[in-house]
Amino acid sequence: MSQQLSPRQDSLTSLNVGSRQAGRWTLVISLIIVTLIGLQTLKTFKILCFPQVLTRFLPADLIVGCDPALYPILEYPMYNTVFYEGATVPQRYIYGTTAEGTEVNITHEDLGINVFMLMDVFDDIIEDEDTERLAFYVRYYEETYGVDLTAVRLEIHPLAVQREGFEEQATVIVLETSVDAILAEEGGA
């Protein structure tokens, strides 16, 4: 005795099945959104990113909780600092002099780090006089590119914000030293 469904009952039954499937998709999409928001929150407070003191000697490939390993979850703030007219924006540069006398611009890609880490490294070297950290990156550069550096110079090229754009200001040399002096300090520390 099979029961025959009226057209109205049949359409109601298909609506229930359809709403259950829609409910499952809503749940799946909601879980994805909550996961992305949770990862962004963890990234904002650097919960997954171990302190640089512990990771600065590790290759960039092993640091999975830090940028860019969690792409598209990014560490930088969504709303960056506003620069008003007359303010200066520091551009940080690291230069090395090879044994042949050639000057090379050492970029964040050369050091295997992102641009934000380069700014942190640069500021730490200057503020904390962290020559051990500078020696690490000098050795890393030398081993990676097979060159011997004889000197390192850290410069800030400030750009003044103007109504028409940026205006270059006088370059400031914040550190200029020989590689031998850096490595000697590292060995004596």
C-alpha atoms as a PDB file:
ATOM      1  CA  MET A   1       0.000   0.000   0.000  1.00  0.00           C
ATOM      2  CA  SER A   2       2.017   2.833  -1.169  1.00  0.00           C
ATOM      3  CA  GLN A   3       0.646   6.159  -0.286  1.00  0.00           C
ATOM      4  CA  GLN A   4       0.257   8.582  -3.114  1.00  0.00           C
ATOM      5  CA  LEU A   5       1.320  12.164  -2.286  1.00  0.00           C
ATOM      6  CA  SER A   6      -0.715  15.018  -3.531  1.00  0.00           C
ATOM      7  CA  PRO A   7       1.129  17.632  -5.623  1.00  0.00           C
ATOM      8  CA  ARG A   8       0.991  20.043  -2.681  1.00  0.00           C
ATOM      9  CA  GLN A   9       2.520  17.482  -0.250  1.00  0.00           C
ATOM     10  CA  ASP A  10       5.153  16.548  -2.827  1.00  0.00           C
ATOM     11  CA  SER A  11       6.259  20.195  -3.207  1.00  0.00           C
ATOM     12  CA  LEU A  12       6.401  20.642   0.596  1.00  0.00           C
ATOM     13  CA  THR A  13       8.585  17.539   0.923  1.00  0.00           C
ATOM     14  CA  SER A  14      11.029  18.815  -1.717  1.00  0.00           C
ATOM     15  CA  LEU A  15      11.142  22.197   0.079  1.00  0.00           C
ATOM     16  CA  ASN A  16      12.152  20.485   3.334  1.00  0.00           C
ATOM     17  CA  VAL A  17      14.938  18.567   1.591  1.00  0.00           C
ATOM     18  CA  GLY A  18      16.114  21.741  -0.153  1.00  0.00           C
ATOM     19  CA  SER A  19      16.104  23.764   3.068  1.00  0.00           C
ATOM     20  CA  ARG A  20      18.156  21.064   4.835  1.00  0.00           C
ATOM     21  CA  GLN A  21      20.771  21.208   2.059  1.00  0.00           C
ATOM     22  CA  ALA A  22      20.774  25.005   2.179  1.00  0.00           C
ATOM     23  CA  GLY A  23      21.211  24.809   5.949  1.00  0.00           C
ATOM     24  CA  ARG A  24      24.263  22.585   5.522  1.00  0.00           C
ATOM     25  CA  TRP A  25      25.844  25.004   3.021  1.00  0.00           C
ATOM     26  CA  THR A  26      25.122  27.916   5.335  1.00  0.00           C
ATOM     27  CA  LEU A  27      26.870  26.034   8.141  1.00  0.00           C
ATOM     28  CA  VAL A  28      29.897  25.224   5.953  1.00  0.00           C
ATOM     29  CA  ILE A  29      30.265  28.827   4.757  1.00  0.00           C
ATOM     30  CA  SER A  30      29.802  30.144   8.298  1.00  0.00           C
ATOM     31  CA  LEU A  31      32.533  27.820   9.576  1.00  0.00           C
ATOM     32  CA  ILE A  32      34.904  29.026   6.836  1.00  0.00           C
ATOM     33  CA  ILE A  33      34.212  32.658   7.725  1.00  0.00           C
ATOM     34  CA  VAL A  34      34.679  32.031  11.460  1.00  0.00           C
ATOM     35  CA  THR A  35      37.945  30.173  10.740  1.00  0.00           C
ATOM     36  CA  LEU A  36      39.302  33.068   8.650  1.00  0.00           C
ATOM     37  CA  ILE A  37      38.307  35.625  11.293  1.00  0.00           C
ATOM     38  CA  GLY A  38      39.908  33.446  13.970  1.00  0.00           C
ATOM     39  CA  LEU A  39      43.159  33.127  11.984  1.00  0.00           C
ATOM     40  CA  GLN A  40      43.229  36.887  11.401  1.00  0.00           C
ATOM     41  CA  THR A  41      42.773  37.440  15.149  1.00  0.00           C
ATOM     42  CA  LEU A  42      45.568  34.980  15.979  1.00  0.00           C
ATOM     43  CA  LYS A  43      47.788  36.686  13.412  1.00  0.00           C
ATOM     44  CA  THR A  44      46.983  40.177  14.692  1.00  0.00           C
ATOM     45  CA  PHE A  45      48.133  39.269  18.187  1.00  0.00           C
ATOM     46  CA  LYS A  46      51.001  37.114  16.831  1.00  0.00           C
ATOM     47  CA  ILE A  47      49.862  34.077  18.792  1.00  0.00           C
ATOM     48  CA  LEU A  48      51.055  31.649  16.087  1.00  0.00           C
ATOM     49  CA  CYS A  49      54.261  33.552  15.384  1.00  0.00           C
ATOM     50  CA  PHE A  50      57.034  32.664  17.799  1.00  0.00           C
ATOM     51  CA  PRO A  51      59.205  35.545  19.048  1.00  0.00           C
ATOM     52  CA  GLN A  52      62.046  36.481  16.721  1.00  0.00           C
ATOM     53  CA  VAL A  53      64.522  35.658  19.485  1.00  0.00           C
ATOM     54  CA  LEU A  54      63.583  31.988  19.009  1.00  0.00           C
ATOM     55  CA  THR A  55      63.221  31.992  15.229  1.00  0.00           C
ATOM     56  CA  ARG A  56      65.846  34.366  13.891  1.00  0.00           C
ATOM     57  CA  PHE A  57      68.302  31.539  13.258  1.00  0.00           C
ATOM     58  CA  LEU A  58      65.751  29.333  11.488  1.00  0.00           C
ATOM     59  CA  PRO A  59      65.279  29.335   7.722  1.00  0.00           C
ATOM     60  CA  ALA A  60      62.205  31.278   6.621  1.00  0.00           C
ATOM     61  CA  ASP A  61      60.579  28.044   5.328  1.00  0.00           C
ATOM     62  CA  LEU A  62      60.332  26.633   8.863  1.00  0.00           C
ATOM     63  CA  ILE A  63      58.520  29.632  10.345  1.00  0.00           C
ATOM     64  CA  VAL A  64      54.931  28.604   9.559  1.00  0.00           C
ATOM     65  CA  GLY A  65      53.014  30.914  11.907  1.00  0.00           C
ATOM     66  CA  CYS A  66      54.429  34.100  10.428  1.00  0.00           C
ATOM     67  CA  ASP A  67      53.918  35.958   7.168  1.00  0.00           C
ATOM     68  CA  PRO A  68      53.722  34.936   4.384  1.00  0.00           C
ATOM     69  CA  ALA A  69      53.052  31.333   5.461  1.00  0.00           C
ATOM     70  CA  LEU A  70      49.463  32.121   6.467  1.00  0.00           C
ATOM     71  CA  TYR A  71      48.587  33.988   3.252  1.00  0.00           C
ATOM     72  CA  PRO A  72      45.955  35.471   2.793  1.00  0.00           C
ATOM     73  CA  ILE A  73      45.949  36.063   6.552  1.00  0.00           C
ATOM     74  CA  LEU A  74      48.366  38.960   6.857  1.00  0.00           C
ATOM     75  CA  GLU A  75      50.122  40.567   9.790  1.00  0.00           C
ATOM     76  CA  TYR A  76      49.994  44.204   8.787  1.00  0.00           C
ATOM     77  CA  PRO A  77      47.181  46.365  10.119  1.00  0.00           C
ATOM     78  CA  MET A  78      44.186  46.892   7.859  1.00  0.00           C
ATOM     79  CA  TYR A  79      44.265  50.629   8.445  1.00  0.00           C
ATOM     80  CA  ASN A  80      47.803  51.940   8.354  1.00  0.00           C
ATOM     81  CA  THR A  81      49.081  55.149   9.901  1.00  0.00           C
ATOM     82  CA  VAL A  82      48.130  58.307   8.061  1.00  0.00           C
ATOM     83  CA  PHE A  83      50.994  60.538   6.984  1.00  0.00           C
ATOM     84  CA  TYR A  84      50.117  64.208   6.807  1.00  0.00           C
ATOM     85  CA  GLU A  85      51.835  66.869   4.751  1.00  0.00           C
ATOM     86  CA  GLY A  86      55.275  67.620   6.183  1.00  0.00           C
ATOM     87  CA  ALA A  87      55.669  64.208   7.850  1.00  0.00           C
ATOM     88  CA  THR A  88      58.618  62.033   6.859  1.00  0.00           C
ATOM     89  CA  VAL A  89      58.461  58.383   5.872  1.00  0.00           C
ATOM     90  CA  PRO A  90      61.744  56.524   6.519  1.00  0.00           C
ATOM     91  CA  GLN A  91      62.992  54.238   3.754  1.00  0.00           C
ATOM     92  CA  ARG A  92      65.535  51.780   5.174  1.00  0.00           C
ATOM     93  CA  TYR A  93      68.458  50.504   3.096  1.00  0.00           C
ATOM     94  CA  ILE A  94      71.306  48.118   3.845  1.00  0.00           C
ATOM     95  CA  TYR A  95      74.432  48.281   1.689  1.00  0.00           C
ATOM     96  CA  GLY A  96      77.385  45.946   1.677  1.00  0.00           C
ATOM     97  CA  THR A  97      80.814  46.412   0.163  1.00  0.00           C
ATOM     98  CA  THR A  98      82.373  43.316  -1.399  1.00  0.00           C
ATOM     99  CA  ALA A  99      86.049  42.412  -1.236  1.00  0.00           C
ATOM    100  CA  GLU A 100      86.340  43.666  -4.847  1.00  0.00           C
ATOM    101  CA  GLY A 101      85.044  47.092  -3.762  1.00  0.00           C
ATOM    102  CA  THR A 102      81.592  46.757  -5.347  1.00  0.00           C
ATOM    103  CA  GLU A 103      78.689  48.176  -3.363  1.00  0.00           C
ATOM    104  CA  VAL A 104      75.551  46.016  -3.232  1.00  0.00           C
ATOM    105  CA  ASN A 105      72.074  46.901  -1.993  1.00  0.00           C
ATOM    106  CA  ILE A 106      70.983  44.082   0.333  1.00  0.00           C
ATOM    107  CA  THR A 107      67.199  43.673   0.098  1.00  0.00           C
ATOM    108  CA  HIS A 108      64.710  41.707   2.172  1.00  0.00           C
ATOM    109  CA  GLU A 109      64.555  39.063  -0.584  1.00  0.00           C
ATOM    110  CA  ASP A 110      68.336  38.649  -0.323  1.00  0.00           C
ATOM    111  CA  LEU A 111      67.961  37.919   3.406  1.00  0.00           C
ATOM    112  CA  GLY A 112      65.022  35.528   2.990  1.00  0.00           C
ATOM    113  CA  ILE A 113      62.589  37.691   4.985  1.00  0.00           C
ATOM    114  CA  ASN A 114      59.634  39.921   4.174  1.00  0.00           C
ATOM    115  CA  VAL A 115      59.809  43.717   4.051  1.00  0.00           C
ATOM    116  CA  PHE A 116      58.152  44.098   7.469  1.00  0.00           C
ATOM    117  CA  MET A 117      60.705  41.795   9.094  1.00  0.00           C
ATOM    118  CA  LEU A 118      63.479  43.800   7.412  1.00  0.00           C
ATOM    119  CA  MET A 119      62.134  46.979   9.021  1.00  0.00           C
ATOM    120  CA  ASP A 120      62.063  45.224  12.419  1.00  0.00           C
ATOM    121  CA  VAL A 121      65.581  43.829  11.964  1.00  0.00           C
ATOM    122  CA  PHE A 122      66.898  47.235  10.858  1.00  0.00           C
ATOM    123  CA  ASP A 123      65.292  49.017  13.824  1.00  0.00           C
ATOM    124  CA  ASP A 124      66.483  46.365  16.313  1.00  0.00           C
ATOM    125  CA  ILE A 125      70.057  46.591  15.041  1.00  0.00           C
ATOM    126  CA  ILE A 126      70.023  50.376  15.448  1.00  0.00           C
ATOM    127  CA  GLU A 127      68.047  50.730  18.692  1.00  0.00           C
ATOM    128  CA  ASP A 128      69.519  47.747  20.556  1.00  0.00           C
ATOM    129  CA  GLU A 129      72.958  47.888  18.911  1.00  0.00           C
ATOM    130  CA  ASP A 130      72.359  44.232  18.071  1.00  0.00           C
ATOM    131  CA  THR A 131      75.609  43.454  16.230  1.00  0.00           C
ATOM    132  CA  GLU A 132      75.054  39.719  16.752  1.00  0.00           C
ATOM    133  CA  ARG A 133      71.916  39.923  14.649  1.00  0.00           C
ATOM    134  CA  LEU A 134      73.698  41.999  12.014  1.00  0.00           C
ATOM    135  CA  ALA A 135      76.509  39.414  11.940  1.00  0.00           C
ATOM    136  CA  PHE A 136      73.932  36.654  11.388  1.00  0.00           C
ATOM    137  CA  TYR A 137      72.484  38.414   8.338  1.00  0.00           C
ATOM    138  CA  VAL A 138      75.950  39.287   6.999  1.00  0.00           C
ATOM    139  CA  ARG A 139      76.971  35.615   7.214  1.00  0.00           C
ATOM    140  CA  TYR A 140      73.648  34.554   5.671  1.00  0.00           C
ATOM    141  CA  TYR A 141      74.155  36.932   2.721  1.00  0.00           C
ATOM    142  CA  GLU A 142      77.764  35.847   2.226  1.00  0.00           C
ATOM    143  CA  GLU A 143      76.878  32.134   2.272  1.00  0.00           C
ATOM    144  CA  THR A 144      73.825  32.550   0.036  1.00  0.00           C
ATOM    145  CA  TYR A 145      75.533  34.641  -2.648  1.00  0.00           C
ATOM    146  CA  GLY A 146      79.113  33.371  -2.278  1.00  0.00           C
ATOM    147  CA  VAL A 147      80.633  36.809  -1.718  1.00  0.00           C
ATOM    148  CA  ASP A 148      82.829  38.231   1.005  1.00  0.00           C
ATOM    149  CA  LEU A 149      81.603  41.508   2.444  1.00  0.00           C
ATOM    150  CA  THR A 150      84.176  43.852   3.918  1.00  0.00           C
ATOM    151  CA  ALA A 151      81.837  46.595   5.167  1.00  0.00           C
ATOM    152  CA  VAL A 152      78.149  47.185   5.912  1.00  0.00           C
ATOM    153  CA  ARG A 153      76.251  50.454   5.940  1.00  0.00           C
ATOM    154  CA  LEU A 154      72.694  51.100   7.139  1.00  0.00           C
ATOM    155  CA  GLU A 155      71.007  54.192   5.744  1.00  0.00           C
ATOM    156  CA  ILE A 156      67.682  55.928   6.109  1.00  0.00           C
ATOM    157  CA  HIS A 157      66.398  57.804   3.067  1.00  0.00           C
ATOM    158  CA  PRO A 158      63.551  59.937   4.441  1.00  0.00           C
ATOM    159  CA  LEU A 159      60.749  61.009   2.132  1.00  0.00           C
ATOM    160  CA  ALA A 160      58.788  64.118   3.110  1.00  0.00           C
ATOM    161  CA  VAL A 161      55.067  63.973   2.365  1.00  0.00           C
ATOM    162  CA  GLN A 162      54.072  66.931   0.198  1.00  0.00           C
ATOM    163  CA  ARG A 163      50.789  67.900  -1.389  1.00  0.00           C
ATOM    164  CA  GLU A 164      52.162  66.887  -4.818  1.00  0.00           C
ATOM    165  CA  GLY A 165      53.726  63.616  -3.606  1.00  0.00           C
ATOM    166  CA  PHE A 166      56.979  62.746  -1.864  1.00  0.00           C
ATOM    167  CA  GLU A 167      60.135  64.813  -1.688  1.00  0.00           C
ATOM    168  CA  GLU A 168      63.474  63.141  -0.978  1.00  0.00           C
ATOM    169  CA  GLN A 169      65.333  64.424   2.072  1.00  0.00           C
ATOM    170  CA  ALA A 170      69.007  64.127   2.995  1.00  0.00           C
ATOM    171  CA  THR A 171      70.191  60.557   3.504  1.00  0.00           C
ATOM    172  CA  VAL A 172      71.151  59.631   7.059  1.00  0.00           C
ATOM    173  CA  ILE A 173      73.882  57.027   7.588  1.00  0.00           C
ATOM    174  CA  VAL A 174      72.939  55.356  10.863  1.00  0.00           C
ATOM    175  CA  LEU A 175      75.639  52.684  10.961  1.00  0.00           C
ATOM    176  CA  GLU A 176      78.813  52.129   8.976  1.00  0.00           C
ATOM    177  CA  THR A 177      81.188  49.429  10.097  1.00  0.00           C
ATOM    178  CA  SER A 178      83.555  46.771   8.837  1.00  0.00           C
ATOM    179  CA  VAL A 179      82.446  43.172   8.749  1.00  0.00           C
ATOM    180  CA  ASP A 180      85.564  42.172  10.703  1.00  0.00           C
ATOM    181  CA  ALA A 181      84.456  44.455  13.565  1.00  0.00           C
ATOM    182  CA  ILE A 182      80.961  42.935  13.581  1.00  0.00           C
ATOM    183  CA  LEU A 183      82.261  39.371  13.603  1.00  0.00           C
ATOM    184  CA  ALA A 184      84.855  40.228  16.295  1.00  0.00           C
ATOM    185  CA  GLU A 185      82.099  41.687  18.526  1.00  0.00           C
ATOM    186  CA  GLU A 186      79.981  38.598  17.943  1.00  0.00           C
ATOM    187  CA  GLY A 187      82.871  36.311  18.888  1.00  0.00           C
ATOM    188  CA  GLY A 188      83.677  38.360  22.008  1.00  0.00           C
ATOM    189  CA  ALA A 189      80.078  38.495  23.239  1.00  0.00           C
END
